[in-house]
Amino acid sequence: MLYVLPKLYGWGNNTLIQAGKEEYNLNNMEKLFNDLNDSESYLRYTSIIKYVQYYPPRNVTTHCIYSYGIKTTNKIIFKSKKFTKIKRIEYGDGDGTVNLVSLSFCKKSKNPNLLYKLFKKKPHIDIIKSKKFIDYIIEHTQFHTQN
């Protein structure tokens, strides 16, 4: 689960979780894990975060494939610091699982070999099952095998 937490790029100081009056963002994750009485998970988080915070290499063709147009969680607000009852959830754009801020991160890359394929209103896991996605992969695989 720690791998899917938002990354600093794009989110920065934006509040992801609020519990009572306490606000948590990616710059105070240690406090969040401590307040959850789960400092062990924070240690795991810090050990893996360096491996998932990257930009695609400039000399490698990279395909940025994602969906948008589906209500996706932006922020979770708990009634208190007990984290037991959700007061409300604030939503933004995305694929129903991952928010558009994270999905569109690849657009910030300066990689000249970056290709985009966007799907409208396709839920996260449904993209890889769709005919359009499969056709896209076949098309780009054939292109590379012919050269």
N, C-alpha and C. Protein backbone atom coordinates (compact mmCIF):
# COMPACT_ATOMS: atom_id res chain seq x y z
N MET A 1 0.82 -1.20 0.00
CA MET A 1 0.00 0.00 0.00
C MET A 1 0.86 1.27 0.00
N LEU A 2 2.03 1.19 0.59
CA LEU A 2 2.89 2.37 0.66
C LEU A 2 3.35 2.83 -0.72
N TYR A 3 3.45 1.90 -1.67
CA TYR A 3 3.88 2.27 -3.02
C TYR A 3 2.87 3.19 -3.71
N VAL A 4 1.62 3.11 -3.34
CA VAL A 4 0.60 3.90 -4.03
C VAL A 4 0.29 5.23 -3.36
N LEU A 5 0.98 5.55 -2.29
CA LEU A 5 0.80 6.87 -1.69
C LEU A 5 1.24 7.92 -2.70
N PRO A 6 0.61 9.09 -2.70
CA PRO A 6 1.03 10.14 -3.62
C PRO A 6 2.51 10.48 -3.41
N LYS A 7 3.13 10.98 -4.46
CA LYS A 7 4.53 11.37 -4.40
C LYS A 7 4.63 12.88 -4.25
N LEU A 8 5.78 13.36 -3.81
CA LEU A 8 5.96 14.80 -3.59
C LEU A 8 5.69 15.62 -4.84
N TYR A 9 6.12 15.11 -5.99
CA TYR A 9 5.88 15.88 -7.21
C TYR A 9 4.37 16.05 -7.40
N GLY A 10 3.98 17.26 -7.56
CA GLY A 10 2.57 17.53 -7.80
C GLY A 10 1.75 17.80 -6.55
N TRP A 11 2.02 17.07 -5.47
CA TRP A 11 1.18 17.21 -4.28
C TRP A 11 1.79 18.17 -3.27
N GLY A 12 3.08 18.13 -3.06
CA GLY A 12 3.75 19.05 -2.14
C GLY A 12 3.05 19.25 -0.82
N ASN A 13 2.62 20.49 -0.55
CA ASN A 13 1.98 20.84 0.72
C ASN A 13 0.47 20.67 0.72
N ASN A 14 -0.11 20.15 -0.34
CA ASN A 14 -1.56 19.95 -0.37
C ASN A 14 -1.96 18.95 0.71
N THR A 15 -2.98 19.28 1.45
CA THR A 15 -3.47 18.39 2.50
C THR A 15 -4.13 17.17 1.88
N LEU A 16 -3.67 16.00 2.28
CA LEU A 16 -4.23 14.74 1.81
C LEU A 16 -5.21 14.16 2.83
N ILE A 17 -4.86 14.34 4.10
CA ILE A 17 -5.68 13.81 5.19
C ILE A 17 -5.80 14.89 6.25
N GLN A 18 -7.00 15.04 6.77
CA GLN A 18 -7.23 15.94 7.89
C GLN A 18 -7.92 15.13 8.97
N ALA A 19 -7.42 15.24 10.19
CA ALA A 19 -8.02 14.54 11.33
C ALA A 19 -8.24 15.57 12.43
N GLY A 20 -9.50 15.91 12.66
CA GLY A 20 -9.78 17.01 13.56
C GLY A 20 -9.22 18.27 12.94
N LYS A 21 -8.36 18.97 13.69
CA LYS A 21 -7.73 20.19 13.16
C LYS A 21 -6.35 19.93 12.57
N GLU A 22 -5.86 18.71 12.71
CA GLU A 22 -4.53 18.35 12.21
C GLU A 22 -4.59 18.04 10.72
N GLU A 23 -3.68 18.63 9.96
CA GLU A 23 -3.62 18.39 8.52
C GLU A 23 -2.31 17.69 8.18
N TYR A 24 -2.41 16.71 7.28
CA TYR A 24 -1.24 15.93 6.88
C TYR A 24 -1.04 16.05 5.38
N ASN A 25 0.21 16.27 5.00
CA ASN A 25 0.58 16.30 3.59
C ASN A 25 1.85 15.47 3.43
N LEU A 26 2.41 15.45 2.26
CA LEU A 26 3.58 14.60 2.03
C LEU A 26 4.83 15.08 2.75
N ASN A 27 4.81 16.31 3.23
CA ASN A 27 5.97 16.81 3.96
C ASN A 27 5.93 16.49 5.45
N ASN A 28 4.81 15.97 5.94
CA ASN A 28 4.76 15.57 7.35
C ASN A 28 4.20 14.15 7.52
N MET A 29 4.64 13.26 6.64
CA MET A 29 4.19 11.87 6.70
C MET A 29 4.61 11.19 7.99
N GLU A 30 5.78 11.55 8.51
CA GLU A 30 6.22 10.93 9.76
C GLU A 30 5.22 11.21 10.87
N LYS A 31 4.73 12.43 10.94
CA LYS A 31 3.73 12.78 11.95
C LYS A 31 2.45 11.97 11.75
N LEU A 32 2.02 11.82 10.51
CA LEU A 32 0.83 11.02 10.24
C LEU A 32 1.00 9.60 10.75
N PHE A 33 2.10 8.95 10.39
CA PHE A 33 2.31 7.57 10.83
C PHE A 33 2.44 7.48 12.34
N ASN A 34 3.10 8.45 12.96
CA ASN A 34 3.19 8.45 14.43
C ASN A 34 1.83 8.63 15.06
N ASP A 35 1.01 9.53 14.52
CA ASP A 35 -0.33 9.74 15.06
C ASP A 35 -1.22 8.52 14.85
N LEU A 36 -0.89 7.72 13.85
CA LEU A 36 -1.61 6.46 13.63
C LEU A 36 -1.02 5.32 14.47
N ASN A 37 -0.01 5.64 15.28
CA ASN A 37 0.71 4.64 16.08
C ASN A 37 1.29 3.54 15.19
N ASP A 38 1.87 3.96 14.08
CA ASP A 38 2.42 3.00 13.12
C ASP A 38 3.77 3.51 12.59
N SER A 39 4.70 3.75 13.49
CA SER A 39 6.01 4.26 13.09
C SER A 39 6.78 3.25 12.23
N GLU A 40 6.47 1.98 12.36
CA GLU A 40 7.13 0.96 11.53
C GLU A 40 6.80 1.16 10.04
N SER A 41 5.55 1.50 9.76
CA SER A 41 5.18 1.76 8.36
C SER A 41 5.89 2.99 7.82
N TYR A 42 6.14 3.97 8.67
CA TYR A 42 6.88 5.14 8.21
C TYR A 42 8.30 4.75 7.79
N LEU A 43 8.92 3.86 8.54
CA LEU A 43 10.26 3.38 8.18
C LEU A 43 10.23 2.67 6.83
N ARG A 44 9.21 1.87 6.60
CA ARG A 44 9.07 1.21 5.30
C ARG A 44 8.84 2.25 4.20
N TYR A 45 8.00 3.22 4.49
CA TYR A 45 7.70 4.28 3.53
C TYR A 45 8.99 5.00 3.11
N THR A 46 9.81 5.39 4.08
CA THR A 46 11.04 6.11 3.75
C THR A 46 12.05 5.23 3.01
N SER A 47 11.98 3.93 3.22
CA SER A 47 12.92 3.04 2.53
C SER A 47 12.53 2.80 1.07
N ILE A 48 11.24 2.93 0.74
CA ILE A 48 10.83 2.68 -0.65
C ILE A 48 10.60 3.95 -1.46
N ILE A 49 10.38 5.07 -0.81
CA ILE A 49 10.00 6.28 -1.53
C ILE A 49 11.06 6.69 -2.55
N LYS A 50 12.33 6.46 -2.23
CA LYS A 50 13.40 6.85 -3.16
C LYS A 50 13.35 6.06 -4.46
N TYR A 51 12.73 4.89 -4.44
CA TYR A 51 12.66 4.06 -5.64
C TYR A 51 11.46 4.39 -6.53
N VAL A 52 10.49 5.09 -5.99
CA VAL A 52 9.29 5.39 -6.77
C VAL A 52 9.17 6.87 -7.13
N GLN A 53 10.12 7.69 -6.70
CA GLN A 53 10.13 9.11 -7.04
C GLN A 53 11.14 9.30 -8.17
N TYR A 54 10.70 9.24 -9.37
CA TYR A 54 11.63 9.38 -10.48
C TYR A 54 10.94 10.00 -11.68
N TYR A 55 11.76 10.50 -12.56
CA TYR A 55 11.29 10.95 -13.86
C TYR A 55 11.70 9.89 -14.87
N PRO A 56 10.90 9.67 -15.90
CA PRO A 56 11.31 8.70 -16.93
C PRO A 56 12.63 9.14 -17.57
N PRO A 57 13.52 8.21 -17.86
CA PRO A 57 14.80 8.58 -18.48
C PRO A 57 14.58 9.22 -19.85
N ARG A 58 15.41 10.19 -20.18
CA ARG A 58 15.25 10.96 -21.42
C ARG A 58 15.52 10.14 -22.67
N ASN A 59 16.33 9.12 -22.59
CA ASN A 59 16.72 8.39 -23.79
C ASN A 59 15.90 7.12 -24.02
N VAL A 60 14.80 6.97 -23.29
CA VAL A 60 13.96 5.78 -23.41
C VAL A 60 12.55 6.21 -23.80
N THR A 61 12.01 5.60 -24.84
CA THR A 61 10.62 5.90 -25.21
C THR A 61 9.71 5.42 -24.08
N THR A 62 8.91 6.33 -23.59
CA THR A 62 8.02 6.04 -22.47
C THR A 62 6.59 6.37 -22.88
N HIS A 63 5.68 5.49 -22.56
CA HIS A 63 4.27 5.69 -22.88
C HIS A 63 3.54 6.06 -21.59
N CYS A 64 2.92 7.21 -21.61
CA CYS A 64 2.16 7.71 -20.47
C CYS A 64 0.68 7.46 -20.78
N ILE A 65 0.11 6.46 -20.14
CA ILE A 65 -1.26 6.03 -20.45
C ILE A 65 -2.10 6.15 -19.19
N TYR A 66 -3.17 6.92 -19.28
CA TYR A 66 -4.05 7.05 -18.13
C TYR A 66 -5.43 7.55 -18.54
N SER A 67 -6.33 7.54 -17.58
CA SER A 67 -7.70 7.98 -17.81
C SER A 67 -8.00 9.19 -16.93
N TYR A 68 -9.07 9.86 -17.26
CA TYR A 68 -9.52 11.03 -16.49
C TYR A 68 -11.03 11.12 -16.63
N GLY A 69 -11.63 12.04 -15.88
CA GLY A 69 -13.06 12.26 -16.00
C GLY A 69 -13.91 11.47 -15.03
N ILE A 70 -13.27 10.85 -14.03
CA ILE A 70 -14.00 10.08 -13.02
C ILE A 70 -13.71 10.68 -11.64
N LYS A 71 -14.73 10.82 -10.85
CA LYS A 71 -14.59 11.35 -9.50
C LYS A 71 -13.61 10.47 -8.71
N THR A 72 -12.55 11.10 -8.17
CA THR A 72 -11.48 10.38 -7.49
C THR A 72 -11.12 11.11 -6.20
N THR A 73 -10.82 10.36 -5.16
CA THR A 73 -10.50 10.94 -3.86
C THR A 73 -9.32 11.89 -3.95
N ASN A 74 -9.50 13.08 -3.37
CA ASN A 74 -8.47 14.10 -3.26
C ASN A 74 -7.98 14.24 -1.83
N LYS A 75 -8.93 14.18 -0.90
CA LYS A 75 -8.63 14.45 0.51
C LYS A 75 -9.65 13.72 1.37
N ILE A 76 -9.16 13.12 2.46
CA ILE A 76 -10.04 12.45 3.41
C ILE A 76 -10.03 13.25 4.71
N ILE A 77 -11.21 13.57 5.20
CA ILE A 77 -11.34 14.36 6.42
C ILE A 77 -12.01 13.50 7.48
N PHE A 78 -11.25 13.22 8.55
CA PHE A 78 -11.77 12.44 9.68
C PHE A 78 -12.32 13.40 10.73
N LYS A 79 -13.28 12.92 11.51
CA LYS A 79 -13.89 13.75 12.55
C LYS A 79 -12.89 14.13 13.63
N SER A 80 -11.98 13.21 13.96
CA SER A 80 -11.02 13.47 15.03
C SER A 80 -9.70 12.77 14.73
N LYS A 81 -8.71 13.00 15.61
CA LYS A 81 -7.40 12.37 15.43
C LYS A 81 -7.43 10.88 15.76
N LYS A 82 -8.58 10.35 16.05
CA LYS A 82 -8.69 8.90 16.28
C LYS A 82 -8.72 8.14 14.95
N PHE A 83 -8.98 8.85 13.86
CA PHE A 83 -9.03 8.26 12.52
C PHE A 83 -10.07 7.14 12.40
N THR A 84 -11.14 7.23 13.16
CA THR A 84 -12.13 6.15 13.13
C THR A 84 -13.35 6.48 12.29
N LYS A 85 -13.74 7.74 12.24
CA LYS A 85 -14.94 8.11 11.49
C LYS A 85 -14.62 9.19 10.47
N ILE A 86 -14.98 8.90 9.24
CA ILE A 86 -14.76 9.87 8.17
C ILE A 86 -15.88 10.89 8.19
N LYS A 87 -15.49 12.15 8.24
CA LYS A 87 -16.46 13.25 8.20
C LYS A 87 -16.91 13.49 6.76
N ARG A 88 -15.93 13.55 5.86
CA ARG A 88 -16.26 13.69 4.44
C ARG A 88 -15.02 13.40 3.59
N ILE A 89 -15.28 13.19 2.33
CA ILE A 89 -14.22 12.98 1.35
C ILE A 89 -14.35 14.05 0.28
N GLU A 90 -13.25 14.69 -0.03
CA GLU A 90 -13.24 15.67 -1.11
C GLU A 90 -12.70 15.00 -2.36
N TYR A 91 -13.35 15.26 -3.48
CA TYR A 91 -13.01 14.59 -4.72
C TYR A 91 -12.45 15.55 -5.75
N GLY A 92 -11.71 14.98 -6.68
CA GLY A 92 -11.19 15.71 -7.83
C GLY A 92 -11.28 14.80 -9.04
N ASP A 93 -10.59 15.15 -10.09
CA ASP A 93 -10.60 14.37 -11.33
C ASP A 93 -9.57 13.25 -11.23
N GLY A 94 -9.81 12.19 -11.98
CA GLY A 94 -8.88 11.07 -12.03
C GLY A 94 -9.50 9.88 -12.72
N ASP A 95 -9.04 8.69 -12.35
CA ASP A 95 -9.56 7.46 -12.96
C ASP A 95 -10.37 6.62 -11.97
N GLY A 96 -10.77 7.24 -10.88
CA GLY A 96 -11.55 6.54 -9.86
C GLY A 96 -10.69 5.91 -8.79
N THR A 97 -9.41 5.72 -9.08
CA THR A 97 -8.47 5.16 -8.11
C THR A 97 -7.33 6.14 -7.86
N VAL A 98 -6.73 6.64 -8.93
CA VAL A 98 -5.59 7.55 -8.83
C VAL A 98 -6.01 8.93 -9.33
N ASN A 99 -5.64 9.96 -8.57
CA ASN A 99 -6.01 11.33 -8.90
C ASN A 99 -5.22 11.83 -10.10
N LEU A 100 -5.83 12.74 -10.84
CA LEU A 100 -5.21 13.29 -12.05
C LEU A 100 -3.87 13.97 -11.76
N VAL A 101 -3.71 14.54 -10.58
CA VAL A 101 -2.42 15.16 -10.23
C VAL A 101 -1.29 14.14 -10.35
N SER A 102 -1.52 12.94 -9.83
CA SER A 102 -0.51 11.88 -9.91
C SER A 102 -0.43 11.28 -11.31
N LEU A 103 -1.58 11.04 -11.91
CA LEU A 103 -1.60 10.41 -13.23
C LEU A 103 -0.88 11.24 -14.28
N SER A 104 -1.04 12.54 -14.21
CA SER A 104 -0.48 13.41 -15.25
C SER A 104 0.94 13.86 -14.95
N PHE A 105 1.55 13.29 -13.93
CA PHE A 105 2.92 13.68 -13.58
C PHE A 105 3.88 13.53 -14.76
N CYS A 106 3.68 12.50 -15.54
CA CYS A 106 4.61 12.25 -16.65
C CYS A 106 4.66 13.42 -17.63
N LYS A 107 3.61 14.23 -17.67
CA LYS A 107 3.61 15.39 -18.57
C LYS A 107 4.67 16.42 -18.18
N LYS A 108 5.14 16.34 -16.94
CA LYS A 108 6.16 17.29 -16.48
C LYS A 108 7.56 16.87 -16.90
N SER A 109 7.67 15.67 -17.43
CA SER A 109 8.97 15.17 -17.88
C SER A 109 9.45 15.95 -19.10
N LYS A 110 10.73 16.12 -19.19
CA LYS A 110 11.32 16.78 -20.35
C LYS A 110 11.80 15.74 -21.36
N ASN A 111 11.30 14.53 -21.24
CA ASN A 111 11.68 13.44 -22.12
C ASN A 111 11.08 13.67 -23.51
N PRO A 112 11.92 13.84 -24.54
CA PRO A 112 11.38 14.04 -25.89
C PRO A 112 10.77 12.76 -26.47
N ASN A 113 11.03 11.63 -25.83
CA ASN A 113 10.51 10.34 -26.29
C ASN A 113 9.29 9.91 -25.49
N LEU A 114 8.51 10.86 -25.04
CA LEU A 114 7.34 10.56 -24.23
C LEU A 114 6.09 10.61 -25.10
N LEU A 115 5.33 9.52 -25.10
CA LEU A 115 4.08 9.43 -25.86
C LEU A 115 2.92 9.34 -24.89
N TYR A 116 1.81 10.00 -25.23
CA TYR A 116 0.63 10.03 -24.37
C TYR A 116 -0.53 9.31 -25.01
N LYS A 117 -1.25 8.58 -24.20
CA LYS A 117 -2.53 7.99 -24.63
C LYS A 117 -3.49 8.20 -23.47
N LEU A 118 -4.50 9.02 -23.71
CA LEU A 118 -5.47 9.32 -22.66
C LEU A 118 -6.80 8.66 -22.98
N PHE A 119 -7.43 8.16 -21.95
CA PHE A 119 -8.75 7.57 -22.06
C PHE A 119 -9.70 8.40 -21.22
N LYS A 120 -10.89 8.62 -21.73
CA LYS A 120 -11.87 9.40 -20.98
C LYS A 120 -12.83 8.45 -20.27
N LYS A 121 -12.96 8.66 -18.96
CA LYS A 121 -13.91 7.93 -18.11
C LYS A 121 -13.72 6.41 -18.16
N LYS A 122 -12.48 5.96 -18.16
CA LYS A 122 -12.17 4.53 -18.06
C LYS A 122 -11.62 4.30 -16.66
N PRO A 123 -12.29 3.50 -15.84
CA PRO A 123 -11.75 3.22 -14.51
C PRO A 123 -10.34 2.61 -14.58
N HIS A 124 -9.58 2.86 -13.54
CA HIS A 124 -8.16 2.50 -13.44
C HIS A 124 -7.83 1.13 -14.04
N ILE A 125 -8.38 0.08 -13.51
CA ILE A 125 -8.02 -1.28 -13.95
C ILE A 125 -8.64 -1.63 -15.30
N ASP A 126 -9.73 -0.96 -15.65
CA ASP A 126 -10.41 -1.27 -16.92
C ASP A 126 -9.60 -0.83 -18.14
N ILE A 127 -8.67 0.08 -17.96
CA ILE A 127 -7.88 0.55 -19.10
C ILE A 127 -7.16 -0.63 -19.75
N ILE A 128 -6.51 -1.46 -18.96
CA ILE A 128 -5.72 -2.55 -19.56
C ILE A 128 -6.58 -3.66 -20.15
N LYS A 129 -7.86 -3.64 -19.85
CA LYS A 129 -8.78 -4.62 -20.43
C LYS A 129 -9.44 -4.10 -21.72
N SER A 130 -9.27 -2.81 -21.99
CA SER A 130 -10.00 -2.22 -23.11
C SER A 130 -9.35 -2.54 -24.45
N LYS A 131 -10.17 -2.64 -25.47
CA LYS A 131 -9.69 -2.91 -26.82
C LYS A 131 -8.79 -1.78 -27.31
N LYS A 132 -9.15 -0.53 -26.99
CA LYS A 132 -8.34 0.61 -27.42
C LYS A 132 -6.92 0.53 -26.85
N PHE A 133 -6.82 0.13 -25.59
CA PHE A 133 -5.50 0.00 -24.97
C PHE A 133 -4.70 -1.12 -25.64
N ILE A 134 -5.33 -2.26 -25.82
CA ILE A 134 -4.65 -3.41 -26.44
C ILE A 134 -4.21 -3.05 -27.86
N ASP A 135 -5.09 -2.38 -28.62
CA ASP A 135 -4.72 -1.95 -29.97
C ASP A 135 -3.53 -0.99 -29.94
N TYR A 136 -3.53 -0.08 -28.97
CA TYR A 136 -2.43 0.87 -28.83
C TYR A 136 -1.11 0.13 -28.58
N ILE A 137 -1.13 -0.83 -27.69
CA ILE A 137 0.07 -1.60 -27.37
C ILE A 137 0.54 -2.39 -28.60
N ILE A 138 -0.38 -3.04 -29.27
CA ILE A 138 -0.02 -3.81 -30.47
C ILE A 138 0.58 -2.90 -31.53
N GLU A 139 -0.07 -1.76 -31.75
CA GLU A 139 0.41 -0.80 -32.76
C GLU A 139 1.85 -0.37 -32.46
N HIS A 140 2.13 -0.05 -31.21
CA HIS A 140 3.46 0.44 -30.87
C HIS A 140 4.49 -0.68 -30.77
N THR A 141 4.05 -1.87 -30.47
CA THR A 141 4.96 -3.01 -30.46
C THR A 141 5.35 -3.37 -31.88
N GLN A 142 4.38 -3.39 -32.78
CA GLN A 142 4.65 -3.71 -34.18
C GLN A 142 5.56 -2.67 -34.81
N PHE A 143 5.33 -1.42 -34.49
CA PHE A 143 6.15 -0.34 -35.04
C PHE A 143 7.62 -0.57 -34.67
N HIS A 144 7.87 -0.90 -33.42
CA HIS A 144 9.24 -1.09 -32.97
C HIS A 144 9.86 -2.38 -33.51
N THR A 145 9.06 -3.40 -33.76
CA THR A 145 9.63 -4.65 -34.28
C THR A 145 9.91 -4.57 -35.77
N GLN A 146 9.25 -3.65 -36.47
CA GLN A 146 9.47 -3.51 -37.92
C GLN A 146 10.74 -2.72 -38.22
N ASN A 147 11.20 -1.93 -37.30
CA ASN A 147 12.41 -1.11 -37.54
C ASN A 147 13.66 -1.86 -37.21
